[in-house]
C-alpha cells in the first residue's frame, strides 16, 4: 500500500525505571565478569607476536641508554668488548657504571682483545664482579656486544649507535655462540 508500518511506543511507568536499570547493571556486570576471564587469554595471544623487537639509539645519550638497559639484566651478562673504544666517548660514565652493575649483583663474563686498557680493566675483575679473558688483539673488533636475558645489545662506538634486539630465539643462539667463543678464548689466553 506504500505506507510504512507504524512503530508503536509505550511509555514505561516511572516505577519500572529502577528495575530496568538494575537489570542493565546485572547484564553489564555479567559481561564484565566474562571479559575479565578472557583478558589473560587475549594478552597471551597478543604476546605471541614473536617477531624480534629492535630499538635503535643514536649519539652519546643513545649509547648510555643501551648500557642502562643492561642494568635490568636478571642474569649474567656475556660481553665482547674492546675496552679502549669505550673510555673516550663516555669517560665519566663507565667507572660509575661498573660500580653500579656490581652493586646490583649482576655478574659479567667478558672477552677482551689484548690492550693496556683491557689489562687494566681485568685487574679490577673481582671488585667489578667480572670474569674476563684476554685474547690476542687480532681478534679485536669495535662494536661491543652484550647478551643478557632475551636481549642482544650492540654498541657501536665509531658510529655512535646503540641497538637492542629483543628476541628469545636470537639471544639463545648468541649465548650458544658466545660459549663456543669463551671456550676458545680460554685456550688462547694460555698462549698469550
N, C-alpha and C. Protein backbone atom coordinates (compact mmCIF):
# COMPACT_ATOMS: atom_id res chain seq x y z
N UNK A 1 0.83 -1.21 0.00
CA UNK A 1 0.00 0.00 0.00
C UNK A 1 0.86 1.26 0.00
N UNK A 2 2.21 1.06 0.08
CA UNK A 2 3.10 2.22 0.03
C UNK A 2 3.29 2.87 1.37
N UNK A 3 2.46 2.52 2.33
CA UNK A 3 2.59 3.14 3.66
C UNK A 3 3.57 2.32 4.50
N UNK A 4 4.48 3.01 5.18
CA UNK A 4 5.42 2.32 6.07
C UNK A 4 4.67 1.84 7.31
N UNK A 5 5.02 0.64 7.83
CA UNK A 5 4.34 0.21 9.06
C UNK A 5 4.70 1.15 10.20
N UNK A 6 3.73 1.41 11.01
CA UNK A 6 3.96 2.32 12.14
C UNK A 6 4.57 1.55 13.29
N UNK A 7 5.55 2.18 13.95
CA UNK A 7 6.08 1.58 15.18
C UNK A 7 5.37 2.23 16.34
N UNK A 8 4.97 1.39 17.25
CA UNK A 8 4.25 1.97 18.39
C UNK A 8 5.15 1.92 19.62
N UNK A 9 5.11 2.97 20.36
CA UNK A 9 5.90 3.06 21.59
C UNK A 9 4.97 3.21 22.77
N UNK A 10 5.33 2.55 23.85
CA UNK A 10 4.55 2.78 25.06
C UNK A 10 5.51 3.28 26.13
N UNK A 11 5.09 4.25 26.85
CA UNK A 11 5.95 4.81 27.91
C UNK A 11 5.95 3.88 29.10
N UNK A 12 7.15 3.61 29.64
CA UNK A 12 7.25 2.78 30.84
C UNK A 12 6.74 3.60 32.02
N UNK A 13 6.17 2.89 32.94
CA UNK A 13 5.72 3.64 34.12
C UNK A 13 6.95 3.94 34.97
N UNK A 14 6.98 5.10 35.59
CA UNK A 14 8.16 5.52 36.36
C UNK A 14 8.61 4.47 37.39
N UNK A 15 7.66 3.68 37.94
CA UNK A 15 8.04 2.67 38.94
C UNK A 15 8.97 1.61 38.34
N UNK A 16 8.84 1.36 37.01
CA UNK A 16 9.65 0.30 36.39
C UNK A 16 11.08 0.73 36.07
N UNK A 17 11.35 2.03 36.04
CA UNK A 17 12.66 2.55 35.63
C UNK A 17 13.78 1.93 36.49
N UNK A 18 13.54 1.88 37.79
CA UNK A 18 14.56 1.35 38.70
C UNK A 18 14.89 -0.11 38.37
N UNK A 19 13.86 -0.94 38.17
CA UNK A 19 14.13 -2.36 37.91
C UNK A 19 14.78 -2.55 36.52
N UNK A 20 14.41 -1.69 35.55
CA UNK A 20 15.05 -1.77 34.22
C UNK A 20 16.54 -1.47 34.35
N UNK A 21 16.87 -0.41 35.10
CA UNK A 21 18.29 -0.04 35.28
C UNK A 21 19.04 -1.13 36.05
N UNK A 22 18.39 -1.72 37.06
CA UNK A 22 19.04 -2.79 37.82
C UNK A 22 19.36 -3.99 36.92
N UNK A 23 18.42 -4.30 36.02
CA UNK A 23 18.65 -5.41 35.07
C UNK A 23 19.83 -5.11 34.14
N UNK A 24 19.89 -3.83 33.69
CA UNK A 24 21.01 -3.42 32.81
C UNK A 24 22.33 -3.59 33.56
N UNK A 25 22.35 -3.15 34.84
CA UNK A 25 23.57 -3.26 35.65
C UNK A 25 23.98 -4.72 35.76
N UNK A 26 23.01 -5.62 36.00
CA UNK A 26 23.30 -7.06 36.09
C UNK A 26 23.91 -7.57 34.78
N UNK A 27 23.32 -7.13 33.64
CA UNK A 27 23.82 -7.54 32.33
C UNK A 27 25.28 -7.10 32.15
N UNK A 28 25.53 -5.81 32.46
CA UNK A 28 26.87 -5.27 32.28
C UNK A 28 27.87 -5.94 33.23
N UNK A 29 27.43 -6.23 34.46
CA UNK A 29 28.29 -6.89 35.44
C UNK A 29 28.68 -8.28 34.93
N UNK A 30 27.70 -8.99 34.37
CA UNK A 30 27.96 -10.32 33.84
C UNK A 30 28.93 -10.25 32.65
N UNK A 31 28.73 -9.25 31.77
CA UNK A 31 29.61 -9.06 30.61
C UNK A 31 31.03 -8.74 31.08
N UNK A 32 31.14 -7.89 32.10
CA UNK A 32 32.45 -7.50 32.64
C UNK A 32 33.16 -8.73 33.21
N UNK A 33 32.41 -9.58 33.93
CA UNK A 33 32.99 -10.80 34.52
C UNK A 33 33.55 -11.70 33.42
N UNK A 34 32.76 -11.85 32.32
CA UNK A 34 33.21 -12.69 31.21
C UNK A 34 34.48 -12.10 30.57
N UNK A 35 34.49 -10.76 30.42
CA UNK A 35 35.65 -10.08 29.82
C UNK A 35 36.88 -10.31 30.68
N UNK A 36 36.72 -10.20 32.00
CA UNK A 36 37.86 -10.39 32.91
C UNK A 36 38.43 -11.80 32.80
N UNK A 37 37.55 -12.77 32.57
CA UNK A 37 38.01 -14.16 32.45
C UNK A 37 38.80 -14.38 31.16
N UNK A 38 38.42 -13.67 30.13
CA UNK A 38 39.05 -13.90 28.81
C UNK A 38 40.29 -13.02 28.58
N UNK A 39 40.44 -11.93 29.36
CA UNK A 39 41.56 -10.99 29.16
C UNK A 39 42.93 -11.69 29.21
N UNK A 40 43.23 -12.54 30.23
CA UNK A 40 44.56 -13.19 30.24
C UNK A 40 44.85 -13.96 28.95
N UNK A 41 43.81 -14.61 28.42
CA UNK A 41 43.98 -15.36 27.18
C UNK A 41 44.30 -14.43 26.02
N UNK A 42 43.61 -13.29 25.98
CA UNK A 42 43.85 -12.31 24.91
C UNK A 42 45.26 -11.74 25.02
N UNK A 43 45.69 -11.47 26.26
CA UNK A 43 47.04 -10.94 26.48
C UNK A 43 48.08 -11.94 25.99
N UNK A 44 47.86 -13.23 26.32
CA UNK A 44 48.84 -14.23 25.91
C UNK A 44 48.86 -14.37 24.39
N UNK A 45 47.71 -14.26 23.74
CA UNK A 45 47.68 -14.30 22.27
C UNK A 45 48.41 -13.09 21.69
N UNK A 46 48.18 -11.93 22.33
CA UNK A 46 48.80 -10.68 21.88
C UNK A 46 50.32 -10.77 21.98
N UNK A 47 50.80 -11.42 23.05
CA UNK A 47 52.24 -11.54 23.26
C UNK A 47 52.90 -12.62 22.41
N UNK A 48 52.09 -13.40 21.73
CA UNK A 48 52.67 -14.47 20.90
C UNK A 48 53.27 -13.94 19.62
N UNK A 49 53.17 -12.62 19.46
CA UNK A 49 53.79 -12.00 18.30
C UNK A 49 55.30 -12.07 18.55
N UNK A 50 55.92 -13.13 18.04
CA UNK A 50 57.31 -13.43 18.41
C UNK A 50 58.36 -12.72 17.58
N UNK A 51 57.94 -11.77 16.77
CA UNK A 51 58.95 -11.09 15.95
C UNK A 51 59.91 -10.32 16.85
N UNK A 52 61.19 -10.33 16.51
CA UNK A 52 62.13 -9.59 17.36
C UNK A 52 61.78 -8.11 17.40
N UNK A 53 61.96 -7.51 18.58
CA UNK A 53 61.78 -6.05 18.70
C UNK A 53 63.19 -5.47 18.59
N UNK A 54 63.33 -4.47 17.73
CA UNK A 54 64.66 -3.87 17.55
C UNK A 54 64.56 -2.38 17.83
N UNK A 55 65.41 -1.92 18.75
CA UNK A 55 65.41 -0.48 19.09
C UNK A 55 66.77 0.10 18.75
N UNK A 56 66.75 1.28 18.15
CA UNK A 56 67.99 1.98 17.79
C UNK A 56 68.13 3.22 18.66
N UNK A 57 69.35 3.49 19.11
CA UNK A 57 69.62 4.68 19.92
C UNK A 57 70.84 5.36 19.32
N UNK A 58 70.74 6.68 19.12
CA UNK A 58 71.86 7.37 18.47
C UNK A 58 72.58 8.34 19.40
N UNK A 59 73.84 8.61 19.09
CA UNK A 59 74.63 9.59 19.84
C UNK A 59 75.09 9.06 21.18
N UNK A 60 75.79 9.94 21.93
CA UNK A 60 76.32 9.56 23.24
C UNK A 60 75.19 9.16 24.19
N UNK A 61 74.10 9.94 24.17
CA UNK A 61 72.96 9.64 25.05
C UNK A 61 72.37 8.28 24.72
N UNK A 62 72.31 7.99 23.43
CA UNK A 62 71.77 6.70 22.99
C UNK A 62 72.63 5.55 23.49
N UNK A 63 73.95 5.73 23.40
CA UNK A 63 74.86 4.69 23.86
C UNK A 63 74.71 4.48 25.37
N UNK A 64 74.53 5.59 26.08
CA UNK A 64 74.33 5.48 27.53
C UNK A 64 73.05 4.70 27.82
N UNK A 65 71.99 4.96 27.04
CA UNK A 65 70.70 4.26 27.24
C UNK A 65 70.84 2.75 27.08
N UNK A 66 71.60 2.30 26.08
CA UNK A 66 71.72 0.85 25.90
C UNK A 66 72.49 0.21 27.06
N UNK A 67 73.46 0.94 27.62
CA UNK A 67 74.17 0.39 28.78
C UNK A 67 73.27 0.39 30.01
N UNK A 68 72.43 1.41 30.14
CA UNK A 68 71.49 1.44 31.26
C UNK A 68 70.57 0.22 31.21
N UNK A 69 70.20 -0.18 29.99
CA UNK A 69 69.30 -1.34 29.84
C UNK A 69 69.96 -2.62 30.37
N UNK A 70 71.28 -2.73 30.20
CA UNK A 70 71.96 -3.95 30.67
C UNK A 70 71.84 -4.08 32.20
N UNK A 71 71.61 -2.95 32.88
CA UNK A 71 71.48 -2.98 34.34
C UNK A 71 70.14 -3.56 34.78
N UNK A 72 69.28 -3.89 33.80
CA UNK A 72 68.00 -4.54 34.13
C UNK A 72 68.15 -6.06 34.03
N UNK A 73 69.35 -6.54 33.68
CA UNK A 73 69.54 -7.98 33.47
C UNK A 73 69.25 -8.78 34.74
N UNK A 74 68.59 -9.92 34.53
CA UNK A 74 68.29 -10.79 35.68
C UNK A 74 69.30 -11.94 35.73
N UNK A 75 70.30 -11.88 34.86
CA UNK A 75 71.30 -12.96 34.81
C UNK A 75 72.66 -12.38 34.44
N UNK A 76 73.64 -13.26 34.40
CA UNK A 76 75.00 -12.88 34.00
C UNK A 76 74.97 -12.29 32.58
N UNK A 77 75.73 -11.21 32.39
CA UNK A 77 75.85 -10.61 31.05
C UNK A 77 77.06 -11.27 30.36
N UNK A 78 76.89 -11.59 29.09
CA UNK A 78 78.00 -12.13 28.30
C UNK A 78 78.45 -11.01 27.37
N UNK A 79 79.74 -10.66 27.42
CA UNK A 79 80.18 -9.47 26.68
C UNK A 79 81.43 -9.74 25.85
N UNK A 80 81.49 -9.03 24.72
CA UNK A 80 82.69 -9.00 23.90
C UNK A 80 82.99 -7.52 23.70
N UNK A 81 84.14 -7.05 24.16
CA UNK A 81 84.37 -5.60 24.12
C UNK A 81 85.83 -5.24 23.94
N UNK A 82 86.06 -4.20 23.12
CA UNK A 82 87.39 -3.59 23.03
C UNK A 82 87.37 -2.40 23.99
N UNK A 83 88.03 -2.56 25.13
CA UNK A 83 87.93 -1.57 26.21
C UNK A 83 88.37 -0.18 25.78
N UNK A 84 89.41 -0.10 24.94
CA UNK A 84 89.94 1.23 24.58
C UNK A 84 88.95 2.07 23.78
N UNK A 85 87.93 1.46 23.18
CA UNK A 85 86.93 2.23 22.43
C UNK A 85 85.93 2.93 23.35
N UNK A 86 85.75 2.36 24.53
CA UNK A 86 84.70 2.84 25.43
C UNK A 86 85.04 4.17 26.08
N UNK A 87 86.21 4.23 26.70
CA UNK A 87 86.53 5.38 27.56
C UNK A 87 86.45 6.75 26.88
N UNK A 88 86.97 6.94 25.67
CA UNK A 88 86.98 8.29 25.10
C UNK A 88 85.58 8.89 24.89
N UNK A 89 84.59 8.06 24.59
CA UNK A 89 83.26 8.58 24.29
C UNK A 89 82.50 8.99 25.55
N UNK A 90 82.54 8.15 26.59
CA UNK A 90 81.82 8.46 27.84
C UNK A 90 82.77 8.26 29.02
N UNK A 91 83.79 9.10 29.13
CA UNK A 91 84.84 8.86 30.13
C UNK A 91 84.33 8.84 31.57
N UNK A 92 83.30 9.66 31.88
CA UNK A 92 82.85 9.73 33.29
C UNK A 92 81.77 8.70 33.59
N UNK A 93 81.17 8.17 32.57
CA UNK A 93 80.04 7.25 32.76
C UNK A 93 80.50 5.87 33.23
N UNK A 94 81.55 5.33 32.59
CA UNK A 94 81.88 3.92 32.81
C UNK A 94 82.38 3.53 34.19
N UNK A 95 83.29 4.30 34.81
CA UNK A 95 83.70 3.87 36.16
C UNK A 95 82.48 3.71 37.08
N UNK A 96 81.52 4.62 36.96
CA UNK A 96 80.30 4.55 37.78
C UNK A 96 79.42 3.38 37.36
N UNK A 97 79.33 3.18 36.05
CA UNK A 97 78.50 2.08 35.51
C UNK A 97 78.99 0.74 36.08
N UNK A 98 80.32 0.52 36.05
CA UNK A 98 80.87 -0.75 36.55
C UNK A 98 80.51 -0.95 38.02
N UNK A 99 80.62 0.15 38.81
CA UNK A 99 80.29 0.06 40.24
C UNK A 99 78.81 -0.26 40.43
N UNK A 100 77.96 0.43 39.66
CA UNK A 100 76.50 0.23 39.79
C UNK A 100 76.11 -1.20 39.41
N UNK A 101 76.73 -1.72 38.35
CA UNK A 101 76.42 -3.09 37.92
C UNK A 101 76.81 -4.08 39.02
N UNK A 102 78.02 -3.89 39.57
CA UNK A 102 78.50 -4.78 40.63
C UNK A 102 77.60 -4.68 41.86
N UNK A 103 77.20 -3.46 42.20
CA UNK A 103 76.35 -3.24 43.38
C UNK A 103 74.99 -3.92 43.21
N UNK A 104 74.50 -3.95 41.96
CA UNK A 104 73.22 -4.61 41.68
C UNK A 104 73.37 -6.13 41.68
N UNK A 105 74.61 -6.60 41.79
CA UNK A 105 74.85 -8.04 41.83
C UNK A 105 74.71 -8.71 40.47
N UNK A 106 74.96 -7.94 39.38
CA UNK A 106 74.88 -8.52 38.03
C UNK A 106 76.29 -8.88 37.59
N UNK A 107 76.61 -10.18 37.54
CA UNK A 107 77.95 -10.57 37.10
C UNK A 107 78.08 -10.44 35.58
N UNK A 108 79.31 -10.40 35.12
CA UNK A 108 79.56 -10.31 33.68
C UNK A 108 80.76 -11.20 33.34
N UNK A 109 80.67 -11.82 32.17
CA UNK A 109 81.84 -12.51 31.62
C UNK A 109 82.23 -11.71 30.40
N UNK A 110 83.50 -11.41 30.25
CA UNK A 110 83.92 -10.55 29.15
C UNK A 110 85.12 -11.13 28.41
N UNK A 111 85.05 -11.04 27.08
CA UNK A 111 86.18 -11.39 26.24
C UNK A 111 86.76 -10.06 25.75
N UNK A 112 88.02 -9.79 26.14
CA UNK A 112 88.69 -8.54 25.76
C UNK A 112 89.84 -8.84 24.79
N UNK A 113 89.87 -8.19 23.63
CA UNK A 113 91.09 -8.25 22.82
C UNK A 113 92.21 -7.54 23.59
N UNK A 114 93.41 -8.05 23.49
CA UNK A 114 94.53 -7.56 24.28
C UNK A 114 94.86 -6.09 24.02
N UNK A 115 95.02 -5.34 25.10
CA UNK A 115 95.47 -3.93 25.06
C UNK A 115 95.82 -3.55 26.49
N UNK A 116 96.48 -2.41 26.65
CA UNK A 116 96.80 -1.94 28.00
C UNK A 116 95.53 -1.69 28.80
N UNK A 117 94.54 -1.05 28.12
CA UNK A 117 93.25 -0.76 28.78
C UNK A 117 92.57 -2.06 29.24
N UNK A 118 92.62 -3.08 28.37
CA UNK A 118 91.98 -4.36 28.71
C UNK A 118 92.64 -4.98 29.93
N UNK A 119 93.97 -4.91 29.98
CA UNK A 119 94.69 -5.50 31.12
C UNK A 119 94.37 -4.74 32.42
N UNK A 120 94.28 -3.40 32.30
CA UNK A 120 93.91 -2.58 33.47
C UNK A 120 92.53 -2.96 33.98
N UNK A 121 91.59 -3.09 33.04
CA UNK A 121 90.21 -3.44 33.39
C UNK A 121 90.16 -4.81 34.07
N UNK A 122 90.91 -5.76 33.50
CA UNK A 122 90.91 -7.13 34.04
C UNK A 122 91.42 -7.18 35.48
N UNK A 123 92.33 -6.24 35.84
CA UNK A 123 92.84 -6.19 37.21
C UNK A 123 91.73 -5.88 38.21
N UNK A 124 90.66 -5.26 37.71
CA UNK A 124 89.55 -4.87 38.59
C UNK A 124 88.40 -5.88 38.54
N UNK A 125 88.67 -7.06 37.98
CA UNK A 125 87.61 -8.06 37.81
C UNK A 125 86.85 -8.36 39.10
N UNK A 126 87.58 -8.63 40.17
CA UNK A 126 86.93 -9.06 41.41
C UNK A 126 85.98 -7.97 41.91
N UNK A 127 86.52 -6.76 41.99
CA UNK A 127 85.72 -5.65 42.53
C UNK A 127 84.57 -5.27 41.61
N UNK A 128 84.72 -5.50 40.30
CA UNK A 128 83.65 -5.14 39.35
C UNK A 128 82.80 -6.35 38.94
N UNK A 129 82.91 -7.43 39.73
CA UNK A 129 82.07 -8.63 39.55
C UNK A 129 82.14 -9.16 38.11
N UNK A 130 83.39 -9.33 37.65
CA UNK A 130 83.58 -9.73 36.25
C UNK A 130 84.59 -10.87 36.19
N UNK A 131 84.38 -11.74 35.21
CA UNK A 131 85.40 -12.73 34.87
C UNK A 131 85.79 -12.41 33.44
N UNK A 132 87.04 -12.04 33.25
CA UNK A 132 87.43 -11.66 31.89
C UNK A 132 88.52 -12.58 31.35
N UNK A 133 88.54 -12.66 30.04
CA UNK A 133 89.56 -13.42 29.33
C UNK A 133 90.15 -12.46 28.30
N UNK A 134 91.48 -12.44 28.20
CA UNK A 134 92.13 -11.57 27.22
C UNK A 134 92.63 -12.44 26.06
N UNK A 135 92.22 -12.05 24.85
CA UNK A 135 92.59 -12.81 23.65
C UNK A 135 93.54 -11.96 22.79
N UNK A 136 94.26 -12.56 21.86
CA UNK A 136 95.16 -11.77 21.01
C UNK A 136 94.41 -10.62 20.31
N UNK A 137 95.11 -9.50 20.16
CA UNK A 137 94.48 -8.30 19.57
C UNK A 137 94.00 -8.53 18.13
N UNK A 138 94.48 -9.58 17.49
CA UNK A 138 93.99 -9.89 16.13
C UNK A 138 92.50 -10.24 16.15
N UNK A 139 91.98 -10.57 17.34
CA UNK A 139 90.55 -10.88 17.47
C UNK A 139 89.72 -9.66 17.86
N UNK A 140 90.34 -8.48 17.75
CA UNK A 140 89.62 -7.27 18.13
C UNK A 140 88.62 -6.85 17.07
N UNK A 141 87.44 -6.41 17.53
CA UNK A 141 86.54 -5.68 16.63
C UNK A 141 85.86 -4.61 17.45
N UNK A 142 85.26 -3.64 16.78
CA UNK A 142 84.92 -2.43 17.52
C UNK A 142 83.55 -2.36 18.19
N UNK A 143 82.49 -2.85 17.60
CA UNK A 143 81.24 -2.74 18.38
C UNK A 143 81.31 -3.66 19.60
N UNK A 144 80.79 -3.20 20.72
CA UNK A 144 80.69 -4.08 21.90
C UNK A 144 79.38 -4.84 21.79
N UNK A 145 79.40 -6.10 22.19
CA UNK A 145 78.17 -6.91 22.19
C UNK A 145 77.93 -7.42 23.60
N UNK A 146 76.72 -7.22 24.10
CA UNK A 146 76.32 -7.77 25.40
C UNK A 146 75.10 -8.66 25.16
N UNK A 147 75.10 -9.83 25.76
CA UNK A 147 73.96 -10.74 25.63
C UNK A 147 73.44 -11.00 27.04
N UNK A 148 72.15 -10.79 27.26
CA UNK A 148 71.56 -10.97 28.59
C UNK A 148 70.05 -11.15 28.44
N UNK A 149 69.47 -11.93 29.35
CA UNK A 149 68.03 -12.22 29.30
C UNK A 149 67.65 -12.63 27.88
N UNK A 150 66.66 -11.93 27.29
CA UNK A 150 66.26 -12.25 25.91
C UNK A 150 66.73 -11.15 24.96
N UNK A 151 67.88 -10.53 25.30
CA UNK A 151 68.34 -9.36 24.53
C UNK A 151 69.78 -9.50 24.04
N UNK A 152 70.02 -8.86 22.91
CA UNK A 152 71.38 -8.71 22.41
C UNK A 152 71.59 -7.22 22.21
N UNK A 153 72.57 -6.66 22.91
CA UNK A 153 72.85 -5.23 22.81
C UNK A 153 74.14 -5.05 22.01
N UNK A 154 74.10 -4.14 21.05
CA UNK A 154 75.29 -3.83 20.26
C UNK A 154 75.55 -2.32 20.40
N UNK A 155 76.75 -1.98 20.85
CA UNK A 155 77.12 -0.57 20.98
C UNK A 155 78.26 -0.30 20.01
N UNK A 156 77.96 0.50 18.99
CA UNK A 156 78.99 0.83 18.01
C UNK A 156 79.55 2.21 18.35
N UNK A 157 80.76 2.20 18.93
CA UNK A 157 81.37 3.46 19.38
C UNK A 157 81.76 4.35 18.23
N UNK A 158 82.18 3.73 17.14
CA UNK A 158 82.64 4.53 15.99
C UNK A 158 81.46 5.18 15.28
N UNK A 159 80.34 4.48 15.25
CA UNK A 159 79.15 5.03 14.57
C UNK A 159 78.21 5.73 15.54
N UNK A 160 78.57 5.73 16.82
CA UNK A 160 77.74 6.36 17.88
C UNK A 160 76.30 5.86 17.77
N UNK A 161 76.17 4.54 17.80
CA UNK A 161 74.87 3.92 17.60
C UNK A 161 74.71 2.74 18.55
N UNK A 162 73.58 2.68 19.23
CA UNK A 162 73.28 1.55 20.10
C UNK A 162 72.06 0.82 19.57
N UNK A 163 72.11 -0.51 19.62
CA UNK A 163 70.99 -1.32 19.13
C UNK A 163 70.65 -2.36 20.19
N UNK A 164 69.36 -2.54 20.46
CA UNK A 164 68.94 -3.63 21.34
C UNK A 164 67.97 -4.50 20.55
N UNK A 165 68.33 -5.78 20.41
CA UNK A 165 67.44 -6.74 19.74
C UNK A 165 66.83 -7.58 20.85
N UNK A 166 65.50 -7.58 20.92
CA UNK A 166 64.80 -8.35 21.95
C UNK A 166 64.15 -9.54 21.28
N UNK A 167 64.71 -10.72 21.52
CA UNK A 167 64.18 -11.95 20.92
C UNK A 167 64.80 -13.13 21.66
N UNK A 168 63.96 -13.96 22.26
CA UNK A 168 64.48 -15.13 23.00
C UNK A 168 65.29 -16.03 22.08
N UNK A 169 64.79 -16.22 20.85
CA UNK A 169 65.44 -17.13 19.92
C UNK A 169 66.84 -16.62 19.52
N UNK A 170 66.91 -15.32 19.20
CA UNK A 170 68.20 -14.74 18.79
C UNK A 170 69.17 -14.71 19.98
N UNK A 171 68.66 -14.30 21.16
CA UNK A 171 69.52 -14.25 22.35
C UNK A 171 70.06 -15.64 22.68
N UNK A 172 69.20 -16.65 22.57
CA UNK A 172 69.62 -18.02 22.87
C UNK A 172 70.73 -18.47 21.91
N UNK A 173 70.57 -18.16 20.62
CA UNK A 173 71.59 -18.53 19.63
C UNK A 173 72.90 -17.82 19.94
N UNK A 174 72.82 -16.53 20.29
CA UNK A 174 74.02 -15.75 20.59
C UNK A 174 74.72 -16.26 21.85
N UNK A 175 73.95 -16.72 22.83
CA UNK A 175 74.54 -17.27 24.06
C UNK A 175 75.34 -18.53 23.73
N UNK A 176 74.79 -19.35 22.86
CA UNK A 176 75.49 -20.59 22.49
C UNK A 176 76.78 -20.29 21.71
N UNK A 177 76.69 -19.31 20.82
CA UNK A 177 77.88 -18.90 20.05
C UNK A 177 78.93 -18.34 21.01
N UNK A 178 78.47 -17.57 22.01
CA UNK A 178 79.38 -16.98 23.00
C UNK A 178 80.12 -18.09 23.75
N UNK A 179 79.40 -19.15 24.13
CA UNK A 179 80.04 -20.25 24.88
C UNK A 179 81.15 -20.88 24.05
N UNK A 180 80.94 -20.99 22.74
CA UNK A 180 82.00 -21.51 21.85
C UNK A 180 83.19 -20.56 21.87
N UNK A 181 82.91 -19.26 21.76
CA UNK A 181 83.97 -18.25 21.75
C UNK A 181 84.71 -18.25 23.09
N UNK A 182 83.95 -18.40 24.19
CA UNK A 182 84.55 -18.38 25.53
C UNK A 182 85.54 -19.55 25.69
N UNK A 183 85.13 -20.73 25.24
CA UNK A 183 86.00 -21.91 25.35
C UNK A 183 87.30 -21.68 24.57
N UNK A 184 87.19 -21.12 23.39
CA UNK A 184 88.39 -20.85 22.57
C UNK A 184 89.21 -19.72 23.20
N UNK A 185 88.52 -18.70 23.75
CA UNK A 185 89.22 -17.57 24.39
C UNK A 185 90.07 -18.07 25.56
N UNK A 186 89.52 -19.02 26.35
CA UNK A 186 90.26 -19.57 27.49
C UNK A 186 91.51 -20.31 27.00
N UNK A 187 91.39 -21.00 25.86
CA UNK A 187 92.52 -21.74 25.30
C UNK A 187 93.60 -20.75 24.82
N UNK A 188 93.13 -19.68 24.12
CA UNK A 188 94.07 -18.69 23.58
C UNK A 188 94.77 -17.91 24.69
N UNK A 189 94.08 -17.67 25.78
CA UNK A 189 94.64 -16.88 26.89
C UNK A 189 95.90 -17.56 27.43
N UNK A 190 95.88 -18.89 27.43
CA UNK A 190 97.04 -19.63 27.94
C UNK A 190 98.27 -19.42 27.06
N UNK A 191 98.01 -19.15 25.76
CA UNK A 191 99.10 -18.98 24.81
C UNK A 191 99.76 -17.61 24.96
N UNK A 192 98.95 -16.61 25.29
CA UNK A 192 99.46 -15.23 25.38
C UNK A 192 100.56 -15.12 26.45
